[in-house]
Amino acid sequence: MMYSPKVDDYVRWRNLEGWVYFVDREYITIELSVKDKSEESYKDSPIHKKIHSLIVCQHCYWDQVEYIRHRRKDEMNFIDDYKSQPFRDSDLY
């Protein structure tokens, strides 16, 4: 059975590893790196603070993508220990 990628999966494809950043029927993008923008670059476009380097993986190659883990599962211990502020609705649904 072919792997069905989901956002926040950590995957290996060929010699690359990274987080699945976007999923579509035809392709996924895999985030290979993230770095801060320079001050000058940030002033020119203050909407985004980071530079994301992504690679596109077409649907026909998904059988070569190996699932490693999922980001949310790594955060489960944090969620179990999370305590909301008193009198505030829970942030976690």
N, C-alpha and C. Protein backbone atom coordinates (compact mmCIF):
# COMPACT_ATOMS: atom_id res chain seq x y z
N MET A 1 0.83 -1.18 0.00
CA MET A 1 0.00 0.00 0.00
C MET A 1 0.88 1.25 0.00
N MET A 2 0.53 2.24 -0.82
CA MET A 2 1.34 3.44 -0.94
C MET A 2 1.10 4.38 0.24
N TYR A 3 2.15 5.00 0.70
CA TYR A 3 2.09 5.96 1.80
C TYR A 3 1.26 7.17 1.38
N SER A 4 0.41 7.65 2.27
CA SER A 4 -0.41 8.83 2.03
C SER A 4 0.09 9.95 2.95
N PRO A 5 0.88 10.88 2.42
CA PRO A 5 1.50 11.91 3.26
C PRO A 5 0.48 12.83 3.93
N LYS A 6 0.88 13.31 5.11
CA LYS A 6 0.07 14.27 5.86
C LYS A 6 0.99 15.39 6.34
N VAL A 7 0.44 16.59 6.45
CA VAL A 7 1.19 17.73 6.96
C VAL A 7 1.74 17.36 8.34
N ASP A 8 2.97 17.74 8.60
CA ASP A 8 3.69 17.51 9.86
C ASP A 8 4.24 16.09 10.00
N ASP A 9 4.22 15.30 8.93
CA ASP A 9 4.95 14.03 8.93
C ASP A 9 6.41 14.33 8.63
N TYR A 10 7.30 13.65 9.31
CA TYR A 10 8.73 13.74 9.00
C TYR A 10 9.03 12.57 8.08
N VAL A 11 9.58 12.86 6.90
CA VAL A 11 9.76 11.84 5.88
C VAL A 11 11.17 11.84 5.30
N ARG A 12 11.49 10.73 4.64
CA ARG A 12 12.75 10.60 3.89
C ARG A 12 12.36 10.31 2.44
N TRP A 13 12.95 11.05 1.51
CA TRP A 13 12.74 10.81 0.08
C TRP A 13 14.09 10.93 -0.61
N ARG A 14 14.49 9.84 -1.22
CA ARG A 14 15.82 9.73 -1.82
C ARG A 14 16.86 10.01 -0.74
N ASN A 15 17.69 11.02 -0.91
CA ASN A 15 18.70 11.32 0.11
C ASN A 15 18.32 12.54 0.95
N LEU A 16 17.03 12.92 0.94
CA LEU A 16 16.56 14.11 1.64
C LEU A 16 15.63 13.72 2.77
N GLU A 17 15.63 14.53 3.82
CA GLU A 17 14.71 14.35 4.94
C GLU A 17 14.13 15.70 5.31
N GLY A 18 12.87 15.68 5.73
CA GLY A 18 12.25 16.92 6.18
C GLY A 18 10.79 16.73 6.52
N TRP A 19 10.16 17.84 6.89
CA TRP A 19 8.75 17.84 7.29
C TRP A 19 7.86 18.07 6.08
N VAL A 20 6.75 17.32 6.00
CA VAL A 20 5.77 17.57 4.95
C VAL A 20 5.10 18.90 5.29
N TYR A 21 5.21 19.84 4.37
CA TYR A 21 4.76 21.22 4.59
C TYR A 21 3.41 21.48 3.95
N PHE A 22 3.14 20.83 2.82
CA PHE A 22 1.90 21.03 2.07
C PHE A 22 1.54 19.74 1.37
N VAL A 23 0.23 19.42 1.32
CA VAL A 23 -0.23 18.21 0.65
C VAL A 23 -1.34 18.56 -0.33
N ASP A 24 -1.22 18.03 -1.53
CA ASP A 24 -2.22 18.18 -2.58
C ASP A 24 -2.41 16.82 -3.24
N ARG A 25 -3.41 16.67 -4.06
CA ARG A 25 -3.60 15.39 -4.77
C ARG A 25 -2.41 15.07 -5.67
N GLU A 26 -1.82 16.09 -6.27
CA GLU A 26 -0.78 15.90 -7.28
C GLU A 26 0.65 15.92 -6.72
N TYR A 27 0.86 16.59 -5.61
CA TYR A 27 2.23 16.72 -5.08
C TYR A 27 2.21 17.07 -3.60
N ILE A 28 3.38 16.90 -2.98
CA ILE A 28 3.60 17.41 -1.63
C ILE A 28 4.84 18.29 -1.68
N THR A 29 4.98 19.15 -0.67
CA THR A 29 6.24 19.85 -0.51
C THR A 29 6.87 19.37 0.79
N ILE A 30 8.17 19.20 0.76
CA ILE A 30 8.92 18.76 1.93
C ILE A 30 9.86 19.89 2.32
N GLU A 31 9.76 20.32 3.58
CA GLU A 31 10.58 21.41 4.09
C GLU A 31 11.95 20.86 4.48
N LEU A 32 12.98 21.33 3.78
CA LEU A 32 14.33 20.84 4.04
C LEU A 32 15.07 21.69 5.06
N SER A 33 14.78 22.98 5.09
CA SER A 33 15.44 23.85 6.06
C SER A 33 14.63 25.12 6.27
N VAL A 34 14.91 25.77 7.41
CA VAL A 34 14.29 27.04 7.76
C VAL A 34 15.38 27.91 8.35
N LYS A 35 15.41 29.18 7.92
CA LYS A 35 16.38 30.10 8.52
C LYS A 35 15.74 31.48 8.63
N ASP A 36 16.28 32.28 9.54
CA ASP A 36 15.78 33.64 9.73
C ASP A 36 16.16 34.51 8.54
N LYS A 37 15.27 35.44 8.20
CA LYS A 37 15.58 36.42 7.16
C LYS A 37 16.57 37.44 7.72
N SER A 38 17.31 38.07 6.83
CA SER A 38 18.16 39.17 7.26
C SER A 38 17.26 40.35 7.62
N GLU A 39 17.79 41.28 8.39
CA GLU A 39 17.01 42.47 8.78
C GLU A 39 16.51 43.21 7.55
N GLU A 40 17.38 43.36 6.58
CA GLU A 40 17.02 44.09 5.35
C GLU A 40 15.90 43.37 4.60
N SER A 41 16.02 42.09 4.47
CA SER A 41 14.99 41.32 3.78
C SER A 41 13.67 41.36 4.52
N TYR A 42 13.73 41.32 5.85
CA TYR A 42 12.52 41.38 6.66
C TYR A 42 11.84 42.75 6.52
N LYS A 43 12.62 43.81 6.45
CA LYS A 43 12.04 45.16 6.28
C LYS A 43 11.32 45.27 4.93
N ASP A 44 11.86 44.62 3.90
CA ASP A 44 11.23 44.65 2.58
C ASP A 44 9.93 43.86 2.54
N SER A 45 9.83 42.82 3.34
CA SER A 45 8.64 41.96 3.37
C SER A 45 8.41 41.47 4.80
N PRO A 46 7.78 42.28 5.64
CA PRO A 46 7.65 41.94 7.06
C PRO A 46 6.58 40.89 7.38
N ILE A 47 5.90 40.39 6.39
CA ILE A 47 4.85 39.39 6.65
C ILE A 47 5.46 38.09 7.17
N HIS A 48 6.58 37.69 6.59
CA HIS A 48 7.21 36.43 6.98
C HIS A 48 8.59 36.69 7.57
N LYS A 49 8.89 36.02 8.68
CA LYS A 49 10.16 36.20 9.37
C LYS A 49 11.20 35.17 8.97
N LYS A 50 10.78 34.09 8.33
CA LYS A 50 11.68 32.98 8.03
C LYS A 50 11.73 32.70 6.53
N ILE A 51 12.79 32.03 6.12
CA ILE A 51 12.92 31.53 4.75
C ILE A 51 12.82 30.02 4.83
N HIS A 52 11.86 29.45 4.12
CA HIS A 52 11.64 28.01 4.10
C HIS A 52 12.15 27.46 2.77
N SER A 53 13.03 26.48 2.83
CA SER A 53 13.49 25.80 1.62
C SER A 53 12.70 24.51 1.47
N LEU A 54 11.97 24.42 0.35
CA LEU A 54 11.08 23.29 0.12
C LEU A 54 11.46 22.58 -1.18
N ILE A 55 11.10 21.31 -1.25
CA ILE A 55 11.24 20.56 -2.49
C ILE A 55 9.89 19.93 -2.81
N VAL A 56 9.58 19.86 -4.10
CA VAL A 56 8.31 19.29 -4.53
C VAL A 56 8.51 17.82 -4.84
N CYS A 57 7.59 17.00 -4.37
CA CYS A 57 7.59 15.57 -4.66
C CYS A 57 6.25 15.24 -5.32
N GLN A 58 6.29 14.90 -6.60
CA GLN A 58 5.07 14.58 -7.35
C GLN A 58 4.45 13.27 -6.85
N HIS A 59 3.16 13.14 -7.05
CA HIS A 59 2.40 11.97 -6.60
C HIS A 59 3.00 10.66 -7.08
N CYS A 60 3.52 10.62 -8.29
CA CYS A 60 4.06 9.38 -8.84
C CYS A 60 5.30 8.88 -8.08
N TYR A 61 5.89 9.72 -7.22
CA TYR A 61 7.07 9.33 -6.43
C TYR A 61 6.73 9.01 -4.97
N TRP A 62 5.48 9.12 -4.59
CA TRP A 62 5.11 8.91 -3.19
C TRP A 62 5.45 7.51 -2.71
N ASP A 63 5.55 6.55 -3.61
CA ASP A 63 5.92 5.19 -3.19
C ASP A 63 7.38 5.13 -2.73
N GLN A 64 8.17 6.17 -3.03
CA GLN A 64 9.56 6.24 -2.61
C GLN A 64 9.72 7.01 -1.29
N VAL A 65 8.64 7.62 -0.82
CA VAL A 65 8.69 8.43 0.41
C VAL A 65 8.53 7.51 1.61
N GLU A 66 9.46 7.62 2.54
CA GLU A 66 9.43 6.80 3.75
C GLU A 66 8.99 7.64 4.95
N TYR A 67 7.94 7.21 5.60
CA TYR A 67 7.44 7.88 6.81
C TYR A 67 8.40 7.59 7.96
N ILE A 68 8.78 8.63 8.70
CA ILE A 68 9.66 8.48 9.87
C ILE A 68 8.85 8.66 11.16
N ARG A 69 8.18 9.80 11.29
CA ARG A 69 7.38 10.10 12.49
C ARG A 69 6.47 11.28 12.19
N HIS A 70 5.64 11.61 13.15
CA HIS A 70 4.72 12.74 13.01
C HIS A 70 5.00 13.75 14.12
N ARG A 71 5.00 15.02 13.76
CA ARG A 71 5.33 16.09 14.71
C ARG A 71 4.37 16.11 15.89
N ARG A 72 3.09 15.97 15.68
CA ARG A 72 2.11 16.05 16.76
C ARG A 72 2.29 14.93 17.77
N LYS A 73 2.68 13.75 17.33
CA LYS A 73 2.91 12.65 18.27
C LYS A 73 4.08 12.98 19.19
N ASP A 74 5.07 13.71 18.67
CA ASP A 74 6.21 14.10 19.49
C ASP A 74 5.79 15.10 20.57
N GLU A 75 4.72 15.83 20.32
CA GLU A 75 4.27 16.85 21.26
C GLU A 75 3.25 16.32 22.25
N MET A 76 2.87 15.06 22.17
CA MET A 76 1.83 14.52 23.04
C MET A 76 2.19 14.64 24.51
N ASN A 77 3.45 14.44 24.87
CA ASN A 77 3.84 14.58 26.28
C ASN A 77 3.59 16.00 26.75
N PHE A 78 3.87 16.97 25.88
CA PHE A 78 3.62 18.36 26.22
C PHE A 78 2.12 18.58 26.44
N ILE A 79 1.29 18.03 25.57
CA ILE A 79 -0.15 18.21 25.68
C ILE A 79 -0.68 17.59 26.97
N ASP A 80 -0.19 16.41 27.32
CA ASP A 80 -0.63 15.76 28.56
C ASP A 80 -0.29 16.58 29.79
N ASP A 81 0.83 17.29 29.74
CA ASP A 81 1.28 18.09 30.88
C ASP A 81 0.74 19.52 30.86
N TYR A 82 0.07 19.90 29.78
CA TYR A 82 -0.39 21.27 29.59
C TYR A 82 -1.49 21.62 30.59
N LYS A 83 -1.37 22.76 31.22
CA LYS A 83 -2.39 23.26 32.15
C LYS A 83 -2.82 24.64 31.67
N SER A 84 -4.11 24.80 31.39
CA SER A 84 -4.64 26.08 30.95
C SER A 84 -4.70 27.03 32.14
N GLN A 85 -4.80 28.33 31.84
CA GLN A 85 -4.96 29.31 32.89
C GLN A 85 -6.33 29.12 33.55
N PRO A 86 -6.43 29.40 34.84
CA PRO A 86 -7.72 29.25 35.52
C PRO A 86 -8.81 30.09 34.84
N PHE A 87 -10.01 29.58 34.78
CA PHE A 87 -11.19 30.26 34.24
C PHE A 87 -11.12 30.51 32.74
N ARG A 88 -10.22 29.86 32.06
CA ARG A 88 -10.08 30.03 30.62
C ARG A 88 -10.50 28.73 29.93
N ASP A 89 -11.22 28.84 28.82
CA ASP A 89 -11.57 27.65 28.06
C ASP A 89 -10.31 26.96 27.60
N SER A 90 -10.36 25.67 27.50
CA SER A 90 -9.20 24.91 27.09
C SER A 90 -8.74 25.31 25.70
N ASP A 91 -7.43 25.41 25.49
CA ASP A 91 -6.86 25.72 24.18
C ASP A 91 -6.83 24.48 23.31
N LEU A 92 -6.92 23.33 23.92
CA LEU A 92 -6.76 22.08 23.19
C LEU A 92 -8.11 21.39 23.01
N TYR A 93 -8.47 21.18 21.80
CA TYR A 93 -9.76 20.54 21.51
C TYR A 93 -9.56 19.21 20.87
